[in-house]
C-alpha cells in the first residue's frame, strides 16, 4: 500500500469487502504494508468511479467517505483510520515498511539492520492484530513470486509466505490482496494461488477468491479457518448477490 492509492477504485473495493465482513460481526485487522509513495507511474489515479451512481449504490456510506477524502485531498491511511469507515473496532498496523534508508544489503551490517527491522515490523504486526478474527494483508504488489528478496529495497512491496506463520499458528482467518499479472488468464492466476495456499496454510482448503474487475483488475484471497468457513463464504456470497455483484464488479471464484 502507498498513501497515494488511498481512495482509488482499488481501495474502494478493498474497504467494501472489509466492511461487509465487519457488518457480519467479525473483528477485522488491517496490516497496511505501507510503502513510500513512488512517482514513476500514474498508479492511484483511478478515481473516475466518483460521480457514478453504480458505485455509490454498492455502499453509499463508503462512497461518501471516499468522495470526501478525495475532494479534500486527504489521501492517506491516517485519514482512513481516523474516519472509522472500516468500523470502530477495526485494528491497524500502520508502521511503514521501508528498507531504502539502510546500508546496502550486500554488507553484513546492512543485512542485519534490514533483517532486524523487518522482524520487528512483523512482530509488531502480530501483536497489534492479536484480537482480530480476520487479518487483512495489503502488500503493495501482493504475494511473493519471482520477486525481490524480502530485505531488498523493493522487498517490502510483497507479502512472503513466511509472514503468515504466526497468524496461521493462532488460527486467524486471512485475506490477502494480490495484483493481477500478465501471466495467463486471471482465473489461472487465481487457481495457481489457491493451490499454493493449500501448501502454506493448514486450513487452505477453505480458500476462495473475490475478484474485482472494474477499472483495475485485482483479487483478494480469502482464507477462512474451519470454524469460520461457512460464515465467511456466505457473507461474501451475499455481497456478490447484492449491489457489489452488479455488472461484474465483484466475482466469487472457487477452485
Protein backbone atom coordinates (compact mmCIF):
# COMPACT_ATOMS: atom_id res chain seq x y z
CA UNK A 1 0.00 0.00 0.00
CA UNK A 2 1.09 3.56 -0.72
CA UNK A 3 -0.64 6.66 0.61
CA UNK A 4 -1.22 7.91 -2.94
CA UNK A 5 -3.59 4.99 -3.59
CA UNK A 6 -5.96 6.00 -0.81
CA UNK A 7 -9.48 6.42 -2.16
CA UNK A 8 -8.84 4.98 -5.63
CA UNK A 9 -11.14 2.31 -7.04
CA UNK A 10 -8.95 -0.48 -5.70
CA UNK A 11 -9.19 1.00 -2.24
CA UNK A 12 -12.96 1.27 -2.68
CA UNK A 13 -13.18 -2.47 -3.42
CA UNK A 14 -10.89 -3.35 -0.51
CA UNK A 15 -12.85 -1.32 2.02
CA UNK A 16 -16.11 -2.64 0.63
CA UNK A 17 -15.03 -6.22 1.32
CA UNK A 18 -13.74 -5.36 4.77
CA UNK A 19 -16.94 -3.53 5.68
CA UNK A 20 -19.02 -6.50 4.58
CA UNK A 21 -17.04 -8.78 6.89
CA UNK A 22 -17.29 -6.30 9.74
CA UNK A 23 -21.06 -5.98 9.30
CA UNK A 24 -21.27 -9.78 9.56
CA UNK A 25 -19.92 -9.49 13.09
CA UNK A 26 -16.25 -10.32 12.56
CA UNK A 27 -13.48 -8.31 14.20
CA UNK A 28 -11.03 -7.30 11.49
CA UNK A 29 -7.46 -6.03 11.40
CA UNK A 30 -5.62 -4.39 8.51
CA UNK A 31 -1.88 -4.74 8.03
CA UNK A 32 -1.15 -1.94 5.57
CA UNK A 33 2.38 -2.93 4.43
CA UNK A 34 2.84 0.81 3.95
CA UNK A 35 5.48 1.59 1.32
CA UNK A 36 6.79 5.10 0.48
CA UNK A 37 4.93 6.86 -2.36
CA UNK A 38 6.55 6.34 -5.75
CA UNK A 39 6.35 8.79 -8.64
CA UNK A 40 7.46 6.76 -11.67
CA UNK A 41 3.91 5.89 -12.75
CA UNK A 42 0.34 7.16 -12.54
CA UNK A 43 -0.94 4.43 -10.24
CA UNK A 44 -3.52 5.61 -7.75
CA UNK A 45 -5.28 7.87 -10.24
CA UNK A 46 -8.23 5.51 -10.79
CA UNK A 47 -10.78 7.80 -9.14
CA UNK A 48 -13.19 8.18 -12.06
CA UNK A 49 -15.66 6.00 -10.18
CA UNK A 50 -16.53 9.10 -8.14
CA UNK A 51 -19.67 10.62 -9.63
CA UNK A 52 -21.04 7.30 -10.87
CA UNK A 53 -24.22 6.01 -9.24
CA UNK A 54 -23.42 2.35 -9.86
CA UNK A 55 -20.53 2.67 -7.41
CA UNK A 56 -22.47 4.80 -4.95
CA UNK A 57 -25.16 2.12 -4.90
CA UNK A 58 -22.68 -0.52 -3.70
CA UNK A 59 -22.17 1.20 -0.34
CA UNK A 60 -23.40 4.81 -0.08
CA UNK A 61 -21.65 5.45 3.24
CA UNK A 62 -18.28 4.21 1.99
CA UNK A 63 -18.70 6.03 -1.31
CA UNK A 64 -19.45 9.28 0.53
CA UNK A 65 -16.35 8.96 2.68
CA UNK A 66 -14.12 8.26 -0.33
CA UNK A 67 -15.62 11.21 -2.18
CA UNK A 68 -14.87 13.47 0.79
CA UNK A 69 -11.28 12.27 1.21
CA UNK A 70 -10.54 12.78 -2.47
CA UNK A 71 -12.17 16.22 -2.68
CA UNK A 72 -10.34 17.43 0.45
CA UNK A 73 -7.03 15.87 -0.68
CA UNK A 74 -6.76 13.64 2.39
CA UNK A 75 -5.43 10.66 0.51
CA UNK A 76 -3.51 8.86 3.24
CA UNK A 77 -4.07 5.89 5.52
CA UNK A 78 -4.20 8.07 8.64
CA UNK A 79 -7.38 9.69 7.28
CA UNK A 80 -8.93 6.25 6.73
CA UNK A 81 -8.15 5.13 10.26
CA UNK A 82 -9.46 8.38 11.74
CA UNK A 83 -12.70 8.17 9.73
CA UNK A 84 -13.70 4.84 11.36
CA UNK A 85 -15.18 3.88 7.97
CA UNK A 86 -13.93 0.32 8.46
CA UNK A 87 -15.62 0.03 11.85
CA UNK A 88 -14.84 1.48 15.25
CA UNK A 89 -13.25 -1.77 16.45
CA UNK A 90 -11.03 -2.41 13.43
CA UNK A 91 -7.37 -2.84 14.32
CA UNK A 92 -4.49 -1.47 12.25
CA UNK A 93 -0.78 -1.98 11.79
CA UNK A 94 0.33 1.28 10.21
CA UNK A 95 4.11 1.30 10.60
CA UNK A 96 5.88 1.89 7.26
CA UNK A 97 7.92 -0.99 5.84
CA UNK A 98 10.90 0.58 4.08
CA UNK A 99 14.44 -0.69 3.55
CA UNK A 100 15.78 2.08 1.32
CA UNK A 101 17.38 4.12 4.10
CA UNK A 102 19.50 1.23 5.43
CA UNK A 103 23.02 0.29 4.39
CA UNK A 104 23.38 -1.94 1.34
CA UNK A 105 22.03 -5.46 1.64
CA UNK A 106 25.37 -6.77 0.36
CA UNK A 107 27.11 -5.63 3.56
CA UNK A 108 26.88 -7.60 6.81
CA UNK A 109 25.79 -4.50 8.70
CA UNK A 110 23.13 -3.68 6.13
CA UNK A 111 21.82 -7.24 6.08
CA UNK A 112 21.50 -7.30 9.88
CA UNK A 113 19.82 -3.89 10.04
CA UNK A 114 17.28 -4.85 7.40
CA UNK A 115 16.62 -8.26 8.95
CA UNK A 116 16.10 -6.74 12.40
CA UNK A 117 13.81 -4.03 11.01
CA UNK A 118 11.61 -6.47 9.12
CA UNK A 119 11.39 -8.86 12.04
CA UNK A 120 10.37 -6.01 14.36
CA UNK A 121 7.78 -4.78 11.85
CA UNK A 122 6.28 -8.27 11.66
CA UNK A 123 6.45 -8.78 15.43
CA UNK A 124 4.59 -5.50 15.98
CA UNK A 125 2.01 -6.54 13.38
CA UNK A 126 1.43 -9.86 15.14
CA UNK A 127 0.97 -8.04 18.46
CA UNK A 128 -1.37 -5.35 17.16
CA UNK A 129 -3.67 -7.77 15.34
CA UNK A 130 -3.92 -10.44 18.04
CA UNK A 131 -7.58 -9.73 18.90
CA UNK A 132 -8.87 -9.95 15.32
CA UNK A 133 -10.95 -12.76 13.85
CA UNK A 134 -9.74 -11.83 10.36
CA UNK A 135 -6.42 -10.23 9.40
CA UNK A 136 -6.39 -8.42 6.06
CA UNK A 137 -2.93 -8.05 4.48
CA UNK A 138 -2.43 -5.22 1.99
CA UNK A 139 1.04 -5.52 0.38
CA UNK A 140 1.70 -3.04 -2.40
CA UNK A 141 2.09 -5.70 -5.11
CA UNK A 142 0.70 -8.79 -3.40
CA UNK A 143 2.13 -12.25 -2.78
CA UNK A 144 5.68 -13.28 -3.44
CA UNK A 145 6.57 -14.89 -6.76
CA UNK A 146 9.66 -14.16 -8.81
CA UNK A 147 10.14 -11.08 -6.68
CA UNK A 148 12.96 -9.21 -5.00
CA UNK A 149 14.31 -10.71 -1.81
CA UNK A 150 12.42 -9.64 1.35
CA UNK A 151 15.31 -7.49 2.60
CA UNK A 152 15.94 -5.67 -0.70
CA UNK A 153 14.64 -2.15 -1.27
CA UNK A 154 11.63 -3.48 -3.20
CA UNK A 155 11.06 -6.43 -0.87
CA UNK A 156 8.53 -4.55 1.32
CA UNK A 157 6.18 -4.31 -1.69
CA UNK A 158 5.37 -8.01 -1.28
CA UNK A 159 3.90 -10.39 1.27
CA UNK A 160 6.02 -13.50 1.77
CA UNK A 161 4.50 -16.82 2.82
CA UNK A 162 6.67 -16.86 5.93
CA UNK A 163 4.95 -13.63 7.07
CA UNK A 164 1.78 -15.63 7.71
CA UNK A 165 3.26 -18.22 10.08
CA UNK A 166 2.34 -16.51 13.37
CA UNK A 167 -1.20 -15.73 12.21
CA UNK A 168 -1.73 -19.28 11.00
CA UNK A 169 -0.42 -20.69 14.28
CA UNK A 170 -3.04 -18.79 16.23
CA UNK A 171 -5.69 -19.82 13.69
CA UNK A 172 -6.86 -16.47 12.39
CA UNK A 173 -8.73 -16.18 9.13
CA UNK A 174 -6.78 -14.28 6.47
CA UNK A 175 -7.48 -12.08 3.48
CA UNK A 176 -4.57 -11.39 1.11
CA UNK A 177 -4.55 -8.66 -1.52
CA UNK A 178 -2.90 -9.66 -4.79
CA UNK A 179 -2.15 -7.89 -8.07
CA UNK A 180 -3.23 -9.41 -11.35
CA UNK A 181 -0.26 -10.19 -13.60
CA UNK A 182 0.12 -10.75 -17.33
CA UNK A 183 0.94 -14.43 -16.92
CA UNK A 184 -2.12 -16.37 -18.04
CA UNK A 185 -5.79 -15.61 -17.56
CA UNK A 186 -6.93 -14.15 -14.27
CA UNK A 187 -8.66 -17.45 -13.46
CA UNK A 188 -5.42 -19.38 -13.99
CA UNK A 189 -3.61 -16.93 -11.76
CA UNK A 190 -6.18 -17.35 -9.01
CA UNK A 191 -6.16 -21.14 -9.36
CA UNK A 192 -2.37 -21.16 -9.00
CA UNK A 193 -2.53 -19.06 -5.86
CA UNK A 194 -5.29 -21.18 -4.34
CA UNK A 195 -3.11 -24.25 -4.88
CA UNK A 196 -0.17 -22.50 -3.19
CA UNK A 197 -2.35 -21.61 -0.21
CA UNK A 198 -3.06 -25.31 0.38
CA UNK A 199 0.68 -25.86 0.76
CA UNK A 200 1.35 -22.94 3.09
CA UNK A 201 -1.81 -22.74 5.23
CA UNK A 202 -3.15 -25.82 7.09
CA UNK A 203 -6.74 -24.72 6.50
CA UNK A 204 -6.01 -23.62 2.95
CA UNK A 205 -8.61 -25.99 1.50
CA UNK A 206 -11.20 -23.45 2.64
CA UNK A 207 -9.76 -20.67 0.46
CA UNK A 208 -11.55 -18.83 -2.33
CA UNK A 209 -11.07 -15.53 -4.12
CA UNK A 210 -13.00 -12.31 -4.51
CA UNK A 211 -12.17 -10.97 -7.99
CA UNK A 212 -12.59 -7.24 -8.70
CA UNK A 213 -12.86 -6.27 -12.37
CA UNK A 214 -13.74 -2.57 -12.62
CA UNK A 215 -11.07 -0.14 -13.86
CA UNK A 216 -8.17 -2.08 -12.37
CA UNK A 217 -8.33 -5.88 -12.04
CA UNK A 218 -7.19 -7.32 -8.71
CA UNK A 219 -8.26 -10.06 -6.37
CA UNK A 220 -8.45 -10.92 -2.70
CA UNK A 221 -7.60 -14.40 -1.46
CA UNK A 222 -9.94 -15.25 1.40
CA UNK A 223 -8.68 -18.00 3.75
CA UNK A 224 -11.19 -18.83 6.48
CA UNK A 225 -10.42 -21.13 9.37
CA UNK A 226 -12.50 -24.29 9.58
CA UNK A 227 -14.72 -22.67 12.20
CA UNK A 228 -15.34 -19.55 10.12
CA UNK A 229 -15.54 -21.09 6.65
CA UNK A 230 -19.32 -21.22 6.34
CA UNK A 231 -19.93 -17.75 7.73
CA UNK A 232 -17.25 -16.05 5.63
CA UNK A 233 -18.29 -17.81 2.44
CA UNK A 234 -21.94 -16.91 2.93
CA UNK A 235 -21.02 -13.30 3.75
CA UNK A 236 -19.06 -12.98 0.50
CA UNK A 237 -21.80 -14.70 -1.47
CA UNK A 238 -24.34 -12.24 -0.08
CA UNK A 239 -22.05 -9.46 -1.26
CA UNK A 240 -21.99 -10.94 -4.76
CA UNK A 241 -25.77 -11.34 -4.74
CA UNK A 242 -26.22 -7.66 -3.85
CA UNK A 243 -25.09 -4.39 -5.42
CA UNK A 244 -21.40 -5.36 -5.27
CA UNK A 245 -22.04 -8.13 -7.78
CA UNK A 246 -23.74 -5.86 -10.32
CA UNK A 247 -22.19 -5.57 -13.76
CA UNK A 248 -19.36 -7.88 -12.79
CA UNK A 249 -17.88 -5.63 -10.09
CA UNK A 250 -17.02 -8.47 -7.70
CA UNK A 251 -16.99 -12.16 -8.58
CA UNK A 252 -16.53 -15.07 -6.18
CA UNK A 253 -14.06 -17.61 -7.57
CA UNK A 254 -13.53 -21.11 -6.20
CA UNK A 255 -11.42 -23.95 -7.50
